[in-house]
C-alpha atoms as a PDB file:
ATOM      1  CA  MET A   1      52.550 155.521 149.506  1.00  0.00           C
ATOM      2  CA  THR A   2      53.932 152.203 147.988  1.00  0.00           C
ATOM      3  CA  ILE A   3      56.851 150.948 149.419  1.00  0.00           C
ATOM      4  CA  THR A   4      58.724 151.476 146.039  1.00  0.00           C
ATOM      5  CA  ASP A   5      57.625 155.104 146.870  1.00  0.00           C
ATOM      6  CA  ASP A   6      59.354 154.636 150.336  1.00  0.00           C
ATOM      7  CA  VAL A   7      62.550 153.219 148.704  1.00  0.00           C
ATOM      8  CA  ARG A   8      63.207 155.928 146.713  1.00  0.00           C
ATOM      9  CA  ALA A   9      62.050 158.519 149.318  1.00  0.00           C
ATOM     10  CA  ILE A  10      64.273 158.005 151.609  1.00  0.00           C
ATOM     11  CA  ALA A  11      67.009 156.860 149.207  1.00  0.00           C
ATOM     12  CA  LEU A  12      67.266 160.197 147.816  1.00  0.00           C
ATOM     13  CA  SER A  13      66.334 161.757 151.523  1.00  0.00           C
ATOM     14  CA  LEU A  14      70.476 160.138 152.413  1.00  0.00           C
ATOM     15  CA  PRO A  15      73.485 162.888 151.858  1.00  0.00           C
ATOM     16  CA  ASP A  16      74.808 163.564 148.515  1.00  0.00           C
ATOM     17  CA  THR A  17      72.428 161.143 146.793  1.00  0.00           C
ATOM     18  CA  ALA A  18      70.668 161.239 143.841  1.00  0.00           C
ATOM     19  CA  GLU A  19      68.126 159.179 141.592  1.00  0.00           C
ATOM     20  CA  LYS A  20      69.580 157.977 138.212  1.00  0.00           C
ATOM     21  CA  PRO A  21      67.620 155.181 136.328  1.00  0.00           C
ATOM     22  CA  ALA A  22      69.926 152.522 134.447  1.00  0.00           C
ATOM     23  CA  TRP A  23      68.547 149.224 133.349  1.00  0.00           C
ATOM     24  CA  GLY A  24      65.176 151.499 132.383  1.00  0.00           C
ATOM     25  CA  LEU A  25      65.233 151.854 136.514  1.00  0.00           C
ATOM     26  CA  PRO A  26      65.501 153.529 139.333  1.00  0.00           C
ATOM     27  CA  THR A  27      68.762 154.223 141.167  1.00  0.00           C
ATOM     28  CA  SER A  28      70.394 155.517 143.735  1.00  0.00           C
ATOM     29  CA  ARG A  29      73.794 157.061 143.531  1.00  0.00           C
ATOM     30  CA  VAL A  30      75.860 158.506 145.999  1.00  0.00           C
ATOM     31  CA  ALA A  31      78.729 160.860 144.742  1.00  0.00           C
ATOM     32  CA  GLU A  32      77.774 159.058 141.528  1.00  0.00           C
ATOM     33  CA  ARG A  33      78.720 155.308 143.146  1.00  0.00           C
ATOM     34  CA  SER A  34      75.630 153.288 143.091  1.00  0.00           C
ATOM     35  CA  SER A  35      73.843 152.432 145.714  1.00  0.00           C
ATOM     36  CA  PRO A  36      70.715 150.999 146.039  1.00  0.00           C
ATOM     37  CA  ALA A  37      68.912 149.585 142.811  1.00  0.00           C
ATOM     38  CA  LEU A  38      65.275 149.322 142.174  1.00  0.00           C
ATOM     39  CA  GLY A  39      64.202 146.169 140.343  1.00  0.00           C
ATOM     40  CA  ASP A  40      61.268 145.439 138.105  1.00  0.00           C
ATOM     41  CA  ASP A  41      60.582 142.327 140.572  1.00  0.00           C
ATOM     42  CA  ALA A  42      59.105 144.000 143.877  1.00  0.00           C
ATOM     43  CA  THR A  43      62.470 143.538 144.717  1.00  0.00           C
ATOM     44  CA  MET A  44      65.825 145.658 145.112  1.00  0.00           C
ATOM     45  CA  GLY A  45      69.502 145.791 145.164  1.00  0.00           C
ATOM     46  CA  VAL A  46      71.985 146.498 147.672  1.00  0.00           C
ATOM     47  CA  LYS A  47      75.920 146.947 148.357  1.00  0.00           C
ATOM     48  CA  CYS A  48      76.828 143.957 150.809  1.00  0.00           C
ATOM     49  CA  PRO A  49      80.437 142.709 150.603  1.00  0.00           C
ATOM     50  CA  VAL A  50      81.140 139.805 149.731  1.00  0.00           C
ATOM     51  CA  GLU A  51      81.826 137.402 152.292  1.00  0.00           C
ATOM     52  CA  ASP A  52      78.814 138.769 154.156  1.00  0.00           C
ATOM     53  CA  ARG A  53      76.076 137.574 152.150  1.00  0.00           C
ATOM     54  CA  ALA A  54      75.818 134.228 151.905  1.00  0.00           C
ATOM     55  CA  GLY A  55      75.607 134.262 156.060  1.00  0.00           C
ATOM     56  CA  MET A  56      73.088 136.853 155.411  1.00  0.00           C
ATOM     57  CA  ILE A  57      71.270 134.700 152.891  1.00  0.00           C
ATOM     58  CA  ALA A  58      71.190 131.797 155.492  1.00  0.00           C
ATOM     59  CA  ALA A  59      70.034 133.602 158.414  1.00  0.00           C
ATOM     60  CA  GLU A  60      67.203 134.796 156.076  1.00  0.00           C
ATOM     61  CA  PRO A  61      66.066 133.017 153.539  1.00  0.00           C
ATOM     62  CA  ALA A  62      63.118 134.791 152.570  1.00  0.00           C
ATOM     63  CA  LYS A  63      64.448 138.234 152.676  1.00  0.00           C
ATOM     64  CA  PHE A  64      68.010 137.673 151.134  1.00  0.00           C
ATOM     65  CA  PHE A  65      69.008 136.389 147.899  1.00  0.00           C
ATOM     66  CA  VAL A  66      71.776 136.797 145.222  1.00  0.00           C
ATOM     67  CA  ARG A  67      70.560 136.719 141.242  1.00  0.00           C
ATOM     68  CA  GLU A  68      73.035 133.596 139.797  1.00  0.00           C
ATOM     69  CA  GLY A  69      75.032 134.148 136.726  1.00  0.00           C
ATOM     70  CA  HIS A  70      74.327 138.755 137.740  1.00  0.00           C
ATOM     71  CA  ASP A  71      75.414 139.602 141.608  1.00  0.00           C
ATOM     72  CA  ASP A  72      78.360 136.557 141.849  1.00  0.00           C
ATOM     73  CA  THR A  73      81.223 138.570 141.426  1.00  0.00           C
ATOM     74  CA  TYR A  74      79.873 141.884 143.325  1.00  0.00           C
ATOM     75  CA  ALA A  75      79.209 143.089 146.453  1.00  0.00           C
ATOM     76  CA  TRP A  76      75.441 143.171 146.057  1.00  0.00           C
ATOM     77  CA  LEU A  77      72.816 142.028 147.931  1.00  0.00           C
ATOM     78  CA  ARG A  78      69.203 140.876 146.755  1.00  0.00           C
ATOM     79  CA  VAL A  79      66.019 142.230 149.087  1.00  0.00           C
ATOM     80  CA  ARG A  80      62.208 140.780 148.486  1.00  0.00           C
ATOM     81  CA  LEU A  81      60.997 144.363 150.183  1.00  0.00           C
ATOM     82  CA  ALA A  82      57.818 142.698 150.861  1.00  0.00           C
ATOM     83  CA  ALA A  83      59.828 140.935 152.993  1.00  0.00           C
ATOM     84  CA  LEU A  84      61.119 143.854 155.188  1.00  0.00           C
ATOM     85  CA  ASP A  85      60.104 144.650 158.639  1.00  0.00           C
ATOM     86  CA  GLY A  86      58.567 147.942 158.074  1.00  0.00           C
ATOM     87  CA  VAL A  87      59.738 151.024 157.578  1.00  0.00           C
ATOM     88  CA  ALA A  88      62.977 151.292 160.039  1.00  0.00           C
ATOM     89  CA  GLU A  89      64.210 147.983 158.798  1.00  0.00           C
ATOM     90  CA  LEU A  90      64.039 149.312 154.837  1.00  0.00           C
ATOM     91  CA  ARG A  91      66.031 153.183 156.901  1.00  0.00           C
ATOM     92  CA  ALA A  92      68.090 151.115 157.774  1.00  0.00           C
ATOM     93  CA  THR A  93      68.597 148.840 155.121  1.00  0.00           C
ATOM     94  CA  LEU A  94      68.779 151.893 152.823  1.00  0.00           C
ATOM     95  CA  ALA A  95      71.909 153.078 155.708  1.00  0.00           C
ATOM     96  CA  ASP A  96      73.649 150.528 155.603  1.00  0.00           C
ATOM     97  CA  SER A  97      73.895 150.698 151.986  1.00  0.00           C
ATOM     98  CA  TRP A  98      74.198 154.628 151.534  1.00  0.00           C
ATOM     99  CA  ARG A  99      77.636 153.802 154.010  1.00  0.00           C
ATOM    100  CA  GLN A 100      79.403 151.542 151.656  1.00  0.00           C
ATOM    101  CA  ALA A 101      78.839 153.529 148.530  1.00  0.00           C
ATOM    102  CA  ALA A 102      79.833 156.872 150.192  1.00  0.00           C
ATOM    103  CA  PRO A 103      83.572 158.366 149.994  1.00  0.00           C
ATOM    104  CA  ARG A 104      84.841 157.185 153.489  1.00  0.00           C
ATOM    105  CA  GLY A 105      84.925 160.943 153.926  1.00  0.00           C
ATOM    106  CA  LEU A 106      81.037 161.349 153.211  1.00  0.00           C
ATOM    107  CA  ALA A 107      80.627 158.760 155.417  1.00  0.00           C
ATOM    108  CA  ALA A 108      82.495 160.081 158.480  1.00  0.00           C
ATOM    109  CA  GLU A 109      80.712 163.632 158.071  1.00  0.00           C
ATOM    110  CA  HIS A 110      77.340 160.849 158.964  1.00  0.00           C
ATOM    111  CA  PRO A 111      78.185 159.295 161.614  1.00  0.00           C
ATOM    112  CA  ALA A 112      74.465 158.897 162.439  1.00  0.00           C
ATOM    113  CA  LEU A 113      73.890 156.725 159.264  1.00  0.00           C
ATOM    114  CA  GLY A 114      76.399 154.086 161.091  1.00  0.00           C
ATOM    115  CA  LEU A 115      80.101 154.684 160.155  1.00  0.00           C
ATOM    116  CA  ALA A 116      82.099 152.907 162.516  1.00  0.00           C
ATOM    117  CA  PRO A 117      85.431 153.477 163.246  1.00  0.00           C
ATOM    118  CA  GLY A 118      88.075 152.113 160.879  1.00  0.00           C
ATOM    119  CA  ASP A 119      85.440 151.667 158.712  1.00  0.00           C
ATOM    120  CA  GLY A 120      85.410 152.389 155.070  1.00  0.00           C
END
């Protein structure tokens, strides 16, 4: 199994998630809201609050980046798949993206995916 297969399998295992092609690539949708999106360059886009991106990129620039002119104003962060530290980090990254994209009620129904009281 490739890391792309892992991304797709883990994303689809999350509650109320379906795959939908966009831009010729597979994307995951939770309750019709875009969540992880595979790139054509061994990356994926994940939901990430705009205010958190700079710190994440500064802490791990080999792992995280923003595609200038494309992601500037959106709550997305790019992840280099090869830089992730195994399936556990991939699963945590996908669950965090899911939590941020999921409607508040759905996320609250799945506290094991990391919804903290008051989030959303």
